[in-house]
Amino acid sequence: MKRLNKQDGGRRQCISITNNEVGADEQTTLREKGFRPGDAEWERWGICDYITKPRVEAIITGTTPDGQPITGDYKFTDEFPMSDGFEENAEFFTLTYETPVGVSYQTSFPRIAPLLWLRAGSVGRRIEELPVAGWDVADAYGLLVELDKATDFLNAIRRAGTPQIAYIVTDDERRFQALARRLPEGVEAIRLYESYLTNFAFENGDNA
């Protein structure tokens, strides 16, 4: 993929998913030392942390984990030194299980934020924290948390001109549909937290 992008100036993307399993021999040694899954010393020997991440970083930077230029050349269609690396980037995420309570209090948003960015195409700025203003618009997507700020949000979406997705946090289907109809043509509306917001009506003051 990286070589194809280099050849034709493309913007191909790839999502690779793996666990961080530790090999059988390494597991035996680590257990003898008193380590268990989840311990930092255990996880550092996992297939993702120990093999996958360093290899991906080496391909892009053209250097080994200890900072030495990679020897050898890429062959065939386009020949160039491996040490040249690529004009690409990579980001690593760790998938976690988030509790409904954590989501309802919005404490989990920083861990959910990368998924919204990925869904919107993995380009441009990422909205890392819940916006103080109740909404935010990045390069490829916007996020509306407080529906009473919808007018400001929609105006910002129109001015930006580039967002592909508008994430709208609400448990009210009618208000969601009304907002979706007001979005500029080509902007997809996605109702965020749809599967579990209804369990937390107290967010809107409906519970005693």
N, C-alpha and C. Protein backbone atom coordinates (compact mmCIF):
# COMPACT_ATOMS: atom_id res chain seq x y z
N MET A 1 0.82 -1.19 0.00
CA MET A 1 0.00 0.00 0.00
C MET A 1 0.87 1.26 0.00
N LYS A 2 1.86 1.29 0.88
CA LYS A 2 2.73 2.47 0.96
C LYS A 2 3.49 2.67 -0.35
N ARG A 3 3.93 1.57 -0.97
CA ARG A 3 4.65 1.70 -2.23
C ARG A 3 3.72 2.18 -3.34
N LEU A 4 2.48 1.71 -3.34
CA LEU A 4 1.52 2.17 -4.34
C LEU A 4 1.25 3.66 -4.17
N ASN A 5 1.10 4.11 -2.94
CA ASN A 5 0.90 5.54 -2.70
C ASN A 5 2.08 6.35 -3.19
N LYS A 6 3.26 5.82 -2.98
CA LYS A 6 4.48 6.51 -3.42
C LYS A 6 4.53 6.58 -4.95
N GLN A 7 4.06 5.51 -5.60
CA GLN A 7 4.13 5.45 -7.06
C GLN A 7 3.15 6.39 -7.75
N ASP A 8 1.93 6.46 -7.21
CA ASP A 8 0.92 7.24 -7.93
C ASP A 8 0.36 8.42 -7.13
N GLY A 9 0.98 8.72 -5.96
CA GLY A 9 0.50 9.85 -5.16
C GLY A 9 -0.84 9.59 -4.52
N GLY A 10 -1.20 8.32 -4.35
CA GLY A 10 -2.49 7.96 -3.79
C GLY A 10 -2.58 8.23 -2.29
N ARG A 11 -3.78 8.03 -1.75
CA ARG A 11 -4.02 8.24 -0.32
C ARG A 11 -4.70 7.00 0.27
N ARG A 12 -4.21 5.85 -0.13
CA ARG A 12 -4.78 4.60 0.39
C ARG A 12 -4.54 4.49 1.88
N GLN A 13 -5.51 3.89 2.57
CA GLN A 13 -5.40 3.70 4.01
C GLN A 13 -5.60 2.24 4.36
N CYS A 14 -5.08 1.86 5.50
CA CYS A 14 -5.19 0.48 5.94
C CYS A 14 -5.41 0.46 7.45
N ILE A 15 -6.31 -0.41 7.90
CA ILE A 15 -6.51 -0.63 9.33
C ILE A 15 -6.12 -2.07 9.63
N SER A 16 -5.12 -2.24 10.43
CA SER A 16 -4.64 -3.57 10.81
C SER A 16 -4.99 -3.81 12.27
N ILE A 17 -5.60 -4.94 12.56
CA ILE A 17 -6.03 -5.26 13.92
C ILE A 17 -5.35 -6.54 14.39
N THR A 18 -4.77 -6.49 15.57
CA THR A 18 -4.15 -7.68 16.14
C THR A 18 -4.28 -7.63 17.66
N ASN A 19 -4.15 -8.79 18.27
CA ASN A 19 -4.10 -8.79 19.73
C ASN A 19 -2.65 -8.61 20.17
N ASN A 20 -2.40 -8.73 21.45
CA ASN A 20 -1.03 -8.55 21.95
C ASN A 20 -0.58 -9.83 22.65
N GLU A 21 -0.94 -10.93 22.02
CA GLU A 21 -0.63 -12.23 22.62
C GLU A 21 0.88 -12.45 22.74
N VAL A 22 1.28 -13.04 23.83
CA VAL A 22 2.68 -13.36 24.08
C VAL A 22 2.91 -14.83 23.74
N GLY A 23 4.04 -15.12 23.09
CA GLY A 23 4.36 -16.47 22.69
C GLY A 23 4.44 -17.43 23.88
N ALA A 24 4.23 -18.73 23.59
CA ALA A 24 4.20 -19.74 24.65
C ALA A 24 5.48 -19.77 25.46
N ASP A 25 6.62 -19.74 24.80
CA ASP A 25 7.91 -19.80 25.52
C ASP A 25 8.08 -18.57 26.41
N GLU A 26 7.74 -17.40 25.85
CA GLU A 26 7.87 -16.17 26.63
C GLU A 26 6.91 -16.17 27.82
N GLN A 27 5.70 -16.73 27.62
CA GLN A 27 4.75 -16.80 28.72
C GLN A 27 5.31 -17.61 29.88
N THR A 28 5.93 -18.73 29.56
CA THR A 28 6.50 -19.58 30.62
C THR A 28 7.55 -18.82 31.42
N THR A 29 8.44 -18.14 30.70
CA THR A 29 9.50 -17.39 31.35
C THR A 29 8.94 -16.26 32.21
N LEU A 30 7.96 -15.55 31.68
CA LEU A 30 7.38 -14.43 32.41
C LEU A 30 6.62 -14.88 33.65
N ARG A 31 5.92 -16.00 33.54
CA ARG A 31 5.18 -16.52 34.71
C ARG A 31 6.15 -16.95 35.81
N GLU A 32 7.26 -17.52 35.41
CA GLU A 32 8.27 -17.91 36.39
C GLU A 32 8.81 -16.70 37.15
N LYS A 33 8.77 -15.54 36.48
CA LYS A 33 9.25 -14.31 37.11
C LYS A 33 8.13 -13.59 37.87
N GLY A 34 6.95 -14.18 37.86
CA GLY A 34 5.85 -13.60 38.62
C GLY A 34 4.99 -12.61 37.86
N PHE A 35 5.18 -12.51 36.53
CA PHE A 35 4.38 -11.57 35.74
C PHE A 35 3.14 -12.26 35.20
N ARG A 36 2.10 -11.45 34.95
CA ARG A 36 0.84 -11.95 34.43
C ARG A 36 0.33 -11.01 33.34
N PRO A 37 -0.63 -11.48 32.49
CA PRO A 37 -1.21 -10.60 31.46
C PRO A 37 -1.74 -9.31 32.08
N GLY A 38 -1.42 -8.22 31.44
CA GLY A 38 -1.80 -6.90 31.95
C GLY A 38 -0.64 -6.17 32.59
N ASP A 39 0.35 -6.92 33.09
CA ASP A 39 1.55 -6.28 33.63
C ASP A 39 2.36 -5.66 32.49
N ALA A 40 2.97 -4.52 32.73
CA ALA A 40 3.74 -3.84 31.69
C ALA A 40 4.85 -4.73 31.13
N GLU A 41 5.52 -5.46 32.02
CA GLU A 41 6.61 -6.34 31.57
C GLU A 41 6.09 -7.47 30.70
N TRP A 42 4.88 -7.91 30.95
CA TRP A 42 4.26 -8.97 30.14
C TRP A 42 3.86 -8.41 28.77
N GLU A 43 3.16 -7.28 28.78
CA GLU A 43 2.61 -6.72 27.54
C GLU A 43 3.69 -6.28 26.56
N ARG A 44 4.84 -5.88 27.07
CA ARG A 44 5.89 -5.39 26.16
C ARG A 44 6.43 -6.48 25.24
N TRP A 45 6.16 -7.75 25.59
CA TRP A 45 6.61 -8.86 24.75
C TRP A 45 5.50 -9.39 23.84
N GLY A 46 4.35 -8.72 23.82
CA GLY A 46 3.24 -9.15 22.98
C GLY A 46 3.52 -8.91 21.51
N ILE A 47 2.81 -9.64 20.67
CA ILE A 47 3.07 -9.57 19.22
C ILE A 47 2.84 -8.18 18.66
N CYS A 48 1.90 -7.42 19.24
CA CYS A 48 1.65 -6.07 18.74
C CYS A 48 2.75 -5.11 19.19
N ASP A 49 3.00 -5.05 20.50
CA ASP A 49 3.98 -4.09 21.03
C ASP A 49 5.41 -4.43 20.66
N TYR A 50 5.72 -5.73 20.59
CA TYR A 50 7.11 -6.14 20.38
C TYR A 50 7.46 -6.30 18.90
N ILE A 51 6.46 -6.64 18.07
CA ILE A 51 6.76 -6.92 16.66
C ILE A 51 6.05 -5.95 15.71
N THR A 52 4.73 -5.89 15.79
CA THR A 52 3.97 -5.12 14.80
C THR A 52 4.31 -3.63 14.81
N LYS A 53 4.21 -2.99 15.98
CA LYS A 53 4.47 -1.54 16.06
C LYS A 53 5.89 -1.19 15.60
N PRO A 54 6.94 -1.86 16.10
CA PRO A 54 8.29 -1.50 15.65
C PRO A 54 8.48 -1.68 14.15
N ARG A 55 7.86 -2.71 13.57
CA ARG A 55 8.03 -2.93 12.13
C ARG A 55 7.35 -1.85 11.32
N VAL A 56 6.15 -1.46 11.71
CA VAL A 56 5.44 -0.41 10.99
C VAL A 56 6.21 0.91 11.08
N GLU A 57 6.68 1.23 12.27
CA GLU A 57 7.45 2.46 12.46
C GLU A 57 8.73 2.43 11.63
N ALA A 58 9.38 1.26 11.57
CA ALA A 58 10.63 1.15 10.81
C ALA A 58 10.40 1.36 9.32
N ILE A 59 9.32 0.80 8.79
CA ILE A 59 9.03 0.95 7.37
C ILE A 59 8.82 2.42 7.01
N ILE A 60 8.10 3.13 7.86
CA ILE A 60 7.79 4.54 7.56
C ILE A 60 9.02 5.43 7.73
N THR A 61 9.75 5.25 8.83
CA THR A 61 10.89 6.13 9.12
C THR A 61 12.16 5.74 8.38
N GLY A 62 12.25 4.45 7.99
CA GLY A 62 13.48 3.99 7.33
C GLY A 62 14.59 3.70 8.31
N THR A 63 14.27 3.67 9.60
CA THR A 63 15.28 3.38 10.61
C THR A 63 14.82 2.25 11.51
N THR A 64 15.77 1.53 12.09
CA THR A 64 15.48 0.44 13.00
C THR A 64 15.08 1.03 14.36
N PRO A 65 14.51 0.20 15.25
CA PRO A 65 14.14 0.70 16.58
C PRO A 65 15.28 1.34 17.35
N ASP A 66 16.53 0.95 17.05
CA ASP A 66 17.66 1.56 17.74
C ASP A 66 18.25 2.74 16.98
N GLY A 67 17.53 3.21 15.94
CA GLY A 67 17.92 4.42 15.25
C GLY A 67 18.87 4.27 14.09
N GLN A 68 19.14 3.03 13.67
CA GLN A 68 20.06 2.81 12.56
C GLN A 68 19.32 2.74 11.23
N PRO A 69 19.90 3.28 10.15
CA PRO A 69 19.24 3.21 8.84
C PRO A 69 19.05 1.75 8.42
N ILE A 70 17.88 1.45 7.87
CA ILE A 70 17.64 0.09 7.38
C ILE A 70 18.46 -0.14 6.12
N THR A 71 19.14 -1.26 6.06
CA THR A 71 19.95 -1.60 4.88
C THR A 71 19.10 -2.29 3.83
N GLY A 72 19.50 -2.19 2.58
CA GLY A 72 18.79 -2.84 1.48
C GLY A 72 17.95 -1.86 0.68
N ASP A 73 17.44 -2.36 -0.43
CA ASP A 73 16.65 -1.54 -1.34
C ASP A 73 15.32 -2.22 -1.65
N TYR A 74 14.31 -1.41 -1.94
CA TYR A 74 13.08 -1.95 -2.51
C TYR A 74 13.33 -2.21 -3.99
N LYS A 75 12.85 -3.31 -4.50
CA LYS A 75 13.15 -3.73 -5.87
C LYS A 75 11.94 -3.61 -6.79
N PHE A 76 12.17 -4.00 -8.02
CA PHE A 76 11.15 -4.12 -9.06
C PHE A 76 10.65 -2.74 -9.54
N THR A 77 9.35 -2.49 -9.48
CA THR A 77 8.77 -1.33 -10.16
C THR A 77 9.48 -0.02 -9.83
N ASP A 78 9.65 0.25 -8.55
CA ASP A 78 10.35 1.46 -8.14
C ASP A 78 11.45 1.06 -7.16
N GLU A 79 12.67 1.29 -7.53
CA GLU A 79 13.79 0.90 -6.70
C GLU A 79 14.30 2.11 -5.93
N PHE A 80 14.40 1.96 -4.63
CA PHE A 80 14.93 3.03 -3.79
C PHE A 80 15.35 2.42 -2.46
N PRO A 81 16.24 3.08 -1.74
CA PRO A 81 16.73 2.54 -0.46
C PRO A 81 15.62 2.44 0.58
N MET A 82 15.60 1.37 1.32
CA MET A 82 14.63 1.22 2.40
C MET A 82 14.80 2.31 3.45
N SER A 83 16.01 2.82 3.56
CA SER A 83 16.29 3.86 4.56
C SER A 83 15.60 5.19 4.22
N ASP A 84 15.08 5.32 2.99
CA ASP A 84 14.36 6.54 2.62
C ASP A 84 13.03 6.63 3.34
N GLY A 85 12.48 5.48 3.71
CA GLY A 85 11.17 5.48 4.36
C GLY A 85 10.07 5.94 3.42
N PHE A 86 8.94 6.35 4.00
CA PHE A 86 7.80 6.78 3.20
C PHE A 86 7.19 8.04 3.80
N GLU A 87 6.56 8.85 2.94
CA GLU A 87 5.83 10.02 3.42
C GLU A 87 4.43 9.58 3.86
N GLU A 88 4.41 8.79 4.89
CA GLU A 88 3.17 8.23 5.43
C GLU A 88 3.14 8.46 6.93
N ASN A 89 2.04 8.12 7.55
CA ASN A 89 1.99 8.17 9.01
C ASN A 89 1.19 6.97 9.52
N ALA A 90 1.28 6.73 10.78
CA ALA A 90 0.56 5.63 11.41
C ALA A 90 0.22 6.03 12.83
N GLU A 91 -0.87 5.50 13.32
CA GLU A 91 -1.25 5.74 14.70
C GLU A 91 -1.73 4.42 15.29
N PHE A 92 -1.39 4.20 16.56
CA PHE A 92 -1.74 2.95 17.21
C PHE A 92 -2.76 3.21 18.31
N PHE A 93 -3.80 2.39 18.33
CA PHE A 93 -4.85 2.52 19.33
C PHE A 93 -5.01 1.20 20.07
N THR A 94 -5.39 1.30 21.32
CA THR A 94 -5.70 0.12 22.11
C THR A 94 -7.20 0.08 22.36
N LEU A 95 -7.83 -0.99 21.91
CA LEU A 95 -9.27 -1.12 22.12
C LEU A 95 -9.57 -1.46 23.57
N THR A 96 -10.58 -0.80 24.11
CA THR A 96 -10.96 -1.04 25.50
C THR A 96 -12.48 -1.21 25.59
N TYR A 97 -12.92 -1.76 26.70
CA TYR A 97 -14.35 -1.86 26.98
C TYR A 97 -14.72 -0.68 27.88
N GLU A 98 -15.71 0.08 27.45
CA GLU A 98 -16.13 1.23 28.23
C GLU A 98 -17.47 0.94 28.90
N THR A 99 -17.59 1.29 30.15
CA THR A 99 -18.84 1.04 30.87
C THR A 99 -19.90 2.05 30.47
N PRO A 100 -21.16 1.66 30.46
CA PRO A 100 -22.23 2.61 30.15
C PRO A 100 -22.23 3.82 31.08
N VAL A 101 -21.91 3.59 32.36
CA VAL A 101 -21.87 4.70 33.31
C VAL A 101 -20.81 5.71 32.91
N GLY A 102 -19.64 5.21 32.51
CA GLY A 102 -18.57 6.11 32.09
C GLY A 102 -18.96 6.93 30.88
N VAL A 103 -19.68 6.30 29.95
CA VAL A 103 -20.13 7.01 28.77
C VAL A 103 -21.20 8.04 29.13
N SER A 104 -22.10 7.65 30.03
CA SER A 104 -23.20 8.56 30.38
C SER A 104 -22.69 9.83 31.03
N TYR A 105 -21.60 9.73 31.78
CA TYR A 105 -21.03 10.91 32.41
C TYR A 105 -19.99 11.59 31.51
N GLN A 106 -19.89 11.08 30.27
CA GLN A 106 -18.99 11.64 29.27
C GLN A 106 -17.52 11.56 29.66
N THR A 107 -17.18 10.68 30.60
CA THR A 107 -15.77 10.55 30.98
C THR A 107 -14.99 9.68 30.01
N SER A 108 -15.70 8.96 29.15
CA SER A 108 -15.04 8.05 28.22
C SER A 108 -14.77 8.67 26.85
N PHE A 109 -15.19 9.91 26.65
CA PHE A 109 -15.10 10.48 25.31
C PHE A 109 -13.68 10.47 24.73
N PRO A 110 -12.64 10.81 25.50
CA PRO A 110 -11.29 10.79 24.91
C PRO A 110 -10.91 9.43 24.34
N ARG A 111 -11.48 8.35 24.88
CA ARG A 111 -11.17 7.02 24.36
C ARG A 111 -12.05 6.66 23.17
N ILE A 112 -13.19 7.32 23.06
CA ILE A 112 -14.07 7.11 21.91
C ILE A 112 -13.66 8.00 20.74
N ALA A 113 -13.04 9.13 21.03
CA ALA A 113 -12.72 10.14 20.02
C ALA A 113 -12.00 9.59 18.79
N PRO A 114 -10.99 8.71 18.95
CA PRO A 114 -10.32 8.21 17.74
C PRO A 114 -11.24 7.46 16.79
N LEU A 115 -12.27 6.78 17.33
CA LEU A 115 -13.19 6.04 16.47
C LEU A 115 -14.01 6.98 15.60
N LEU A 116 -14.39 8.13 16.14
CA LEU A 116 -15.13 9.10 15.35
C LEU A 116 -14.26 9.64 14.21
N TRP A 117 -13.02 9.90 14.54
CA TRP A 117 -12.06 10.39 13.54
C TRP A 117 -11.82 9.35 12.46
N LEU A 118 -11.67 8.08 12.85
CA LEU A 118 -11.48 7.00 11.88
C LEU A 118 -12.68 6.88 10.96
N ARG A 119 -13.87 6.93 11.55
CA ARG A 119 -15.10 6.80 10.74
C ARG A 119 -15.22 7.92 9.73
N ALA A 120 -14.65 9.08 10.04
CA ALA A 120 -14.75 10.24 9.14
C ALA A 120 -13.62 10.29 8.12
N GLY A 121 -12.79 9.25 8.07
CA GLY A 121 -11.76 9.20 7.04
C GLY A 121 -10.34 9.33 7.51
N SER A 122 -10.13 9.53 8.81
CA SER A 122 -8.78 9.58 9.38
C SER A 122 -7.93 10.71 8.80
N VAL A 123 -8.55 11.85 8.55
CA VAL A 123 -7.78 12.98 8.01
C VAL A 123 -8.05 14.22 8.85
N GLY A 124 -7.08 15.11 8.85
CA GLY A 124 -7.24 16.38 9.52
C GLY A 124 -7.24 16.29 11.04
N ARG A 125 -7.68 17.37 11.66
CA ARG A 125 -7.69 17.47 13.11
C ARG A 125 -8.68 16.50 13.73
N ARG A 126 -8.35 16.03 14.93
CA ARG A 126 -9.24 15.15 15.67
C ARG A 126 -9.79 15.89 16.89
N ILE A 127 -11.07 15.73 17.15
CA ILE A 127 -11.69 16.33 18.33
C ILE A 127 -11.40 15.40 19.51
N GLU A 128 -10.48 15.80 20.37
CA GLU A 128 -9.98 14.93 21.43
C GLU A 128 -10.81 14.99 22.71
N GLU A 129 -11.41 16.14 22.97
CA GLU A 129 -12.15 16.33 24.22
C GLU A 129 -13.55 16.86 23.91
N LEU A 130 -14.45 16.67 24.85
CA LEU A 130 -15.77 17.25 24.68
C LEU A 130 -15.66 18.76 24.58
N PRO A 131 -16.23 19.36 23.56
CA PRO A 131 -16.09 20.81 23.37
C PRO A 131 -16.83 21.62 24.44
N VAL A 132 -16.15 22.59 24.98
CA VAL A 132 -16.74 23.45 26.00
C VAL A 132 -17.94 24.21 25.44
N ALA A 133 -17.87 24.56 24.17
CA ALA A 133 -18.94 25.33 23.55
C ALA A 133 -20.18 24.49 23.27
N GLY A 134 -20.07 23.16 23.46
CA GLY A 134 -21.20 22.29 23.16
C GLY A 134 -21.16 21.71 21.77
N TRP A 135 -20.22 22.16 20.96
CA TRP A 135 -20.05 21.66 19.61
C TRP A 135 -18.63 21.98 19.13
N ASP A 136 -18.21 21.28 18.10
CA ASP A 136 -16.91 21.57 17.48
C ASP A 136 -16.97 21.04 16.05
N VAL A 137 -16.21 21.67 15.17
CA VAL A 137 -16.13 21.25 13.78
C VAL A 137 -14.66 21.12 13.40
N ALA A 138 -14.26 19.92 13.05
CA ALA A 138 -12.89 19.66 12.61
C ALA A 138 -12.87 19.61 11.08
N ASP A 139 -11.77 19.15 10.52
CA ASP A 139 -11.63 19.15 9.06
C ASP A 139 -12.65 18.24 8.38
N ALA A 140 -12.83 17.03 8.92
CA ALA A 140 -13.65 16.03 8.23
C ALA A 140 -14.98 15.75 8.91
N TYR A 141 -15.18 16.26 10.10
CA TYR A 141 -16.42 15.96 10.81
C TYR A 141 -16.70 17.01 11.87
N GLY A 142 -17.96 16.99 12.33
CA GLY A 142 -18.36 17.87 13.41
C GLY A 142 -19.02 17.08 14.51
N LEU A 143 -19.03 17.64 15.71
CA LEU A 143 -19.62 16.99 16.87
C LEU A 143 -20.54 17.98 17.58
N LEU A 144 -21.81 17.60 17.73
CA LEU A 144 -22.78 18.42 18.45
C LEU A 144 -23.21 17.67 19.70
N VAL A 145 -22.92 18.25 20.87
CA VAL A 145 -23.25 17.63 22.14
C VAL A 145 -24.47 18.30 22.77
N GLU A 146 -24.57 19.62 22.65
CA GLU A 146 -25.69 20.37 23.24
C GLU A 146 -26.60 20.84 22.11
N LEU A 147 -27.79 20.27 22.05
CA LEU A 147 -28.68 20.54 20.93
C LEU A 147 -29.15 21.99 20.88
N ASP A 148 -29.13 22.69 22.00
CA ASP A 148 -29.56 24.09 21.95
C ASP A 148 -28.52 24.97 21.27
N LYS A 149 -27.36 24.39 20.93
CA LYS A 149 -26.33 25.12 20.17
C LYS A 149 -26.33 24.69 18.71
N ALA A 150 -27.43 24.08 18.27
CA ALA A 150 -27.47 23.51 16.92
C ALA A 150 -27.27 24.56 15.82
N THR A 151 -27.84 25.75 16.00
CA THR A 151 -27.72 26.78 14.96
C THR A 151 -26.27 27.17 14.75
N ASP A 152 -25.53 27.39 15.84
CA ASP A 152 -24.11 27.73 15.72
C ASP A 152 -23.34 26.59 15.06
N PHE A 153 -23.68 25.38 15.44
CA PHE A 153 -23.02 24.20 14.89
C PHE A 153 -23.26 24.10 13.37
N LEU A 154 -24.50 24.24 12.96
CA LEU A 154 -24.83 24.13 11.54
C LEU A 154 -24.17 25.23 10.73
N ASN A 155 -24.12 26.44 11.28
CA ASN A 155 -23.44 27.53 10.58
C ASN A 155 -21.96 27.23 10.40
N ALA A 156 -21.35 26.66 11.44
CA ALA A 156 -19.93 26.33 11.36
C ALA A 156 -19.68 25.23 10.33
N ILE A 157 -20.58 24.26 10.27
CA ILE A 157 -20.47 23.19 9.27
C ILE A 157 -20.51 23.79 7.85
N ARG A 158 -21.44 24.72 7.65
CA ARG A 158 -21.57 25.33 6.32
C ARG A 158 -20.33 26.15 5.97
N ARG A 159 -19.81 26.89 6.95
CA ARG A 159 -18.62 27.71 6.67
C ARG A 159 -17.42 26.84 6.36
N ALA A 160 -17.27 25.73 7.07
CA ALA A 160 -16.10 24.87 6.88
C ALA A 160 -16.10 24.25 5.48
N GLY A 161 -17.25 23.77 5.06
CA GLY A 161 -17.35 23.24 3.70
C GLY A 161 -16.75 21.87 3.47
N THR A 162 -15.92 21.37 4.42
CA THR A 162 -15.22 20.11 4.19
C THR A 162 -15.74 18.92 4.99
N PRO A 163 -16.48 19.11 6.10
CA PRO A 163 -16.90 17.95 6.89
C PRO A 163 -17.76 16.97 6.09
N GLN A 164 -17.51 15.68 6.34
CA GLN A 164 -18.28 14.63 5.70
C GLN A 164 -19.34 14.05 6.62
N ILE A 165 -19.12 14.21 7.94
CA ILE A 165 -20.01 13.59 8.92
C ILE A 165 -20.33 14.58 10.02
N ALA A 166 -21.56 14.53 10.51
CA ALA A 166 -21.97 15.30 11.69
C ALA A 166 -22.43 14.30 12.74
N TYR A 167 -21.69 14.20 13.83
CA TYR A 167 -22.08 13.34 14.95
C TYR A 167 -22.98 14.15 15.88
N ILE A 168 -24.15 13.62 16.15
CA ILE A 168 -25.12 14.34 16.98
C ILE A 168 -25.47 13.46 18.18
N VAL A 169 -25.22 13.99 19.38
CA VAL A 169 -25.48 13.24 20.61
C VAL A 169 -26.89 13.58 21.10
N THR A 170 -27.78 12.61 21.01
CA THR A 170 -29.15 12.82 21.48
C THR A 170 -29.87 11.49 21.60
N ASP A 171 -30.85 11.45 22.51
CA ASP A 171 -31.71 10.27 22.61
C ASP A 171 -33.10 10.57 22.06
N ASP A 172 -33.22 11.70 21.39
CA ASP A 172 -34.50 12.13 20.83
C ASP A 172 -34.46 11.95 19.31
N GLU A 173 -35.13 10.92 18.82
CA GLU A 173 -35.09 10.61 17.39
C GLU A 173 -35.65 11.74 16.54
N ARG A 174 -36.73 12.39 16.99
CA ARG A 174 -37.33 13.46 16.19
C ARG A 174 -36.39 14.66 16.04
N ARG A 175 -35.73 15.03 17.12
CA ARG A 175 -34.80 16.16 17.05
C ARG A 175 -33.59 15.80 16.18
N PHE A 176 -33.17 14.56 16.27
CA PHE A 176 -32.06 14.11 15.43
C PHE A 176 -32.42 14.23 13.95
N GLN A 177 -33.59 13.73 13.59
CA GLN A 177 -34.01 13.79 12.19
C GLN A 177 -34.17 15.23 11.72
N ALA A 178 -34.68 16.09 12.60
CA ALA A 178 -34.85 17.50 12.23
C ALA A 178 -33.50 18.15 11.95
N LEU A 179 -32.52 17.85 12.79
CA LEU A 179 -31.18 18.40 12.57
C LEU A 179 -30.54 17.82 11.31
N ALA A 180 -30.74 16.54 11.09
CA ALA A 180 -30.16 15.89 9.92
C ALA A 180 -30.65 16.55 8.63
N ARG A 181 -31.91 16.95 8.61
CA ARG A 181 -32.47 17.60 7.41
C ARG A 181 -31.88 18.99 7.17
N ARG A 182 -31.36 19.61 8.22
CA ARG A 182 -30.80 20.95 8.08
C ARG A 182 -29.32 20.96 7.68
N LEU A 183 -28.72 19.79 7.65
CA LEU A 183 -27.31 19.72 7.29
C LEU A 183 -27.11 19.97 5.80
N PRO A 184 -25.96 20.53 5.43
CA PRO A 184 -25.68 20.74 4.01
C PRO A 184 -25.67 19.41 3.26
N GLU A 185 -25.97 19.46 1.99
CA GLU A 185 -25.97 18.27 1.17
C GLU A 185 -24.58 17.61 1.19
N GLY A 186 -24.55 16.31 1.33
CA GLY A 186 -23.28 15.59 1.35
C GLY A 186 -22.73 15.32 2.73
N VAL A 187 -23.32 15.93 3.76
CA VAL A 187 -22.87 15.70 5.14
C VAL A 187 -23.76 14.62 5.76
N GLU A 188 -23.15 13.53 6.17
CA GLU A 188 -23.89 12.41 6.76
C GLU A 188 -24.14 12.65 8.25
N ALA A 189 -25.36 12.45 8.69
CA ALA A 189 -25.69 12.60 10.10
C ALA A 189 -25.63 11.25 10.79
N ILE A 190 -24.92 11.19 11.91
CA ILE A 190 -24.83 9.95 12.68
C ILE A 190 -25.24 10.26 14.11
N ARG A 191 -26.19 9.51 14.60
CA ARG A 191 -26.67 9.69 15.97
C ARG A 191 -25.74 8.95 16.91
N LEU A 192 -25.02 9.69 17.70
CA LEU A 192 -23.99 9.11 18.56
C LEU A 192 -24.59 8.57 19.85
N TYR A 193 -24.06 7.41 20.26
CA TYR A 193 -24.48 6.74 21.49
C TYR A 193 -25.92 6.23 21.40
N GLU A 194 -26.43 6.06 20.21
CA GLU A 194 -27.84 5.70 20.03
C GLU A 194 -28.23 4.45 20.81
N SER A 195 -27.35 3.48 20.91
CA SER A 195 -27.71 2.19 21.49
C SER A 195 -27.88 2.23 23.00
N TYR A 196 -27.34 3.26 23.67
CA TYR A 196 -27.45 3.23 25.12
C TYR A 196 -27.82 4.55 25.79
N LEU A 197 -27.96 5.61 25.04
CA LEU A 197 -28.33 6.87 25.68
C LEU A 197 -29.68 6.78 26.38
N THR A 198 -30.58 5.95 25.85
CA THR A 198 -31.91 5.86 26.46
C THR A 198 -31.86 5.30 27.86
N ASN A 199 -30.74 4.65 28.23
CA ASN A 199 -30.60 4.12 29.58
C ASN A 199 -30.23 5.20 30.59
N PHE A 200 -29.95 6.40 30.11
CA PHE A 200 -29.44 7.43 31.00
C PHE A 200 -30.22 8.73 30.85
N ALA A 201 -31.52 8.60 31.03
CA ALA A 201 -32.39 9.77 30.88
C ALA A 201 -32.09 10.85 31.90
N PHE A 202 -31.41 10.45 33.01
CA PHE A 202 -31.10 11.47 34.02
C PHE A 202 -30.19 12.54 33.50
N GLU A 203 -29.51 12.29 32.36
CA GLU A 203 -28.67 13.31 31.75
C GLU A 203 -29.51 14.54 31.41
N ASN A 204 -30.77 14.30 31.05
CA ASN A 204 -31.66 15.40 30.69
C ASN A 204 -32.58 15.78 31.81
N GLY A 205 -32.30 15.28 33.05
CA GLY A 205 -33.10 15.62 34.20
C GLY A 205 -34.42 14.89 34.29
N ASP A 206 -34.54 13.72 33.62
CA ASP A 206 -35.80 12.99 33.63
C ASP A 206 -35.94 12.05 34.82
N ASN A 207 -34.84 11.77 35.51
CA ASN A 207 -34.88 10.85 36.64
C ASN A 207 -34.84 11.63 37.96
N ALA A 208 -35.52 11.13 38.94
CA ALA A 208 -35.49 11.77 40.26
C ALA A 208 -34.20 11.43 40.97
